[in-house]
């Protein structure tokens, strides 16, 4: 995990995984939609 060029990206990823574990799988697709540019 220390090879990531962007520490902020890694931190955001960890937070997303933590929220997914706590609240469930409904929050995970929402994060993907927000972070992914619209086609």
N, C-alpha and C. Protein backbone atom coordinates (compact mmCIF):
# COMPACT_ATOMS: atom_id res chain seq x y z
N UNK A 1 0.83 -1.20 0.00
CA UNK A 1 0.00 0.00 0.00
C UNK A 1 0.87 1.26 0.00
N UNK A 2 2.16 1.12 0.26
CA UNK A 2 3.02 2.30 0.35
C UNK A 2 3.54 2.72 -1.02
N UNK A 3 3.24 1.96 -2.06
CA UNK A 3 3.73 2.28 -3.40
C UNK A 3 2.81 3.23 -4.16
N UNK A 4 1.68 3.59 -3.57
CA UNK A 4 0.75 4.50 -4.24
C UNK A 4 1.38 5.88 -4.37
N UNK A 5 1.26 6.46 -5.56
CA UNK A 5 1.85 7.78 -5.81
C UNK A 5 0.99 8.88 -5.17
N UNK A 6 -0.28 8.59 -4.91
CA UNK A 6 -1.18 9.58 -4.33
C UNK A 6 -1.69 9.09 -2.97
N UNK A 7 -1.14 9.62 -1.87
CA UNK A 7 -1.57 9.22 -0.52
C UNK A 7 -3.05 9.50 -0.28
N UNK A 8 -3.55 10.60 -0.85
CA UNK A 8 -4.96 10.96 -0.66
C UNK A 8 -5.86 9.89 -1.27
N UNK A 9 -5.45 9.35 -2.41
CA UNK A 9 -6.23 8.31 -3.08
C UNK A 9 -6.31 7.06 -2.20
N UNK A 10 -5.18 6.70 -1.61
CA UNK A 10 -5.13 5.52 -0.77
C UNK A 10 -5.98 5.71 0.49
N UNK A 11 -5.93 6.91 1.05
CA UNK A 11 -6.71 7.21 2.25
C UNK A 11 -8.20 7.13 1.96
N UNK A 12 -8.61 7.68 0.81
CA UNK A 12 -10.02 7.67 0.43
C UNK A 12 -10.49 6.23 0.23
N UNK A 13 -9.63 5.40 -0.34
CA UNK A 13 -9.96 4.00 -0.57
C UNK A 13 -10.18 3.27 0.74
N UNK A 14 -9.31 3.52 1.70
CA UNK A 14 -9.43 2.88 3.00
C UNK A 14 -10.71 3.30 3.71
N UNK A 15 -11.05 4.58 3.62
CA UNK A 15 -12.27 5.08 4.25
C UNK A 15 -13.49 4.43 3.62
N UNK A 16 -13.46 4.28 2.29
CA UNK A 16 -14.57 3.66 1.57
C UNK A 16 -14.77 2.22 2.03
N UNK A 17 -13.67 1.48 2.20
CA UNK A 17 -13.76 0.10 2.63
C UNK A 17 -14.30 0.01 4.05
N UNK A 18 -13.90 0.95 4.89
CA UNK A 18 -14.37 0.96 6.28
C UNK A 18 -15.87 1.21 6.34
N UNK A 19 -16.34 2.19 5.56
CA UNK A 19 -17.77 2.51 5.55
C UNK A 19 -18.56 1.32 4.99
N UNK A 20 -18.01 0.65 4.01
CA UNK A 20 -18.68 -0.50 3.40
C UNK A 20 -18.86 -1.60 4.44
N UNK A 21 -17.84 -1.80 5.28
CA UNK A 21 -17.92 -2.83 6.31
C UNK A 21 -18.95 -2.47 7.38
N UNK A 22 -19.05 -1.18 7.68
CA UNK A 22 -19.94 -0.75 8.76
C UNK A 22 -21.40 -0.66 8.31
N UNK A 23 -21.62 -0.02 7.15
CA UNK A 23 -22.99 0.27 6.74
C UNK A 23 -23.54 -0.74 5.76
N UNK A 24 -22.67 -1.47 5.08
CA UNK A 24 -23.15 -2.45 4.12
C UNK A 24 -22.70 -2.14 2.71
N UNK A 25 -23.28 -2.85 1.73
CA UNK A 25 -22.82 -2.74 0.35
C UNK A 25 -23.54 -1.64 -0.43
N UNK A 26 -24.51 -0.98 0.18
CA UNK A 26 -25.30 0.01 -0.56
C UNK A 26 -24.53 1.30 -0.76
N UNK A 27 -23.51 1.56 0.08
CA UNK A 27 -22.75 2.81 -0.02
C UNK A 27 -21.63 2.70 -1.05
N UNK A 28 -21.16 1.51 -1.31
CA UNK A 28 -20.00 1.30 -2.19
C UNK A 28 -20.27 1.72 -3.64
N UNK A 29 -21.39 1.29 -4.27
CA UNK A 29 -21.68 1.71 -5.66
C UNK A 29 -21.84 3.23 -5.78
N UNK A 30 -22.33 3.86 -4.71
CA UNK A 30 -22.52 5.32 -4.73
C UNK A 30 -21.17 6.02 -4.85
N UNK A 31 -20.18 5.55 -4.12
CA UNK A 31 -18.84 6.14 -4.17
C UNK A 31 -18.25 5.97 -5.56
N UNK A 32 -18.46 4.81 -6.18
CA UNK A 32 -17.94 4.55 -7.52
C UNK A 32 -18.55 5.53 -8.52
N UNK A 33 -19.84 5.79 -8.41
CA UNK A 33 -20.52 6.70 -9.32
C UNK A 33 -20.00 8.12 -9.14
N UNK A 34 -19.75 8.53 -7.91
CA UNK A 34 -19.29 9.89 -7.63
C UNK A 34 -17.87 10.08 -8.15
N UNK A 35 -17.00 9.09 -7.96
CA UNK A 35 -15.59 9.24 -8.31
C UNK A 35 -15.35 8.95 -9.79
N UNK A 36 -16.27 8.25 -10.43
CA UNK A 36 -16.09 7.92 -11.85
C UNK A 36 -16.75 9.00 -12.71
N UNK A 37 -16.03 9.56 -13.68
CA UNK A 37 -16.60 10.59 -14.56
C UNK A 37 -17.74 10.02 -15.40
N UNK A 38 -18.80 10.79 -15.61
CA UNK A 38 -19.95 10.31 -16.38
C UNK A 38 -19.57 10.02 -17.83
N UNK A 39 -20.14 8.96 -18.37
CA UNK A 39 -19.83 8.59 -19.76
C UNK A 39 -20.66 9.41 -20.73
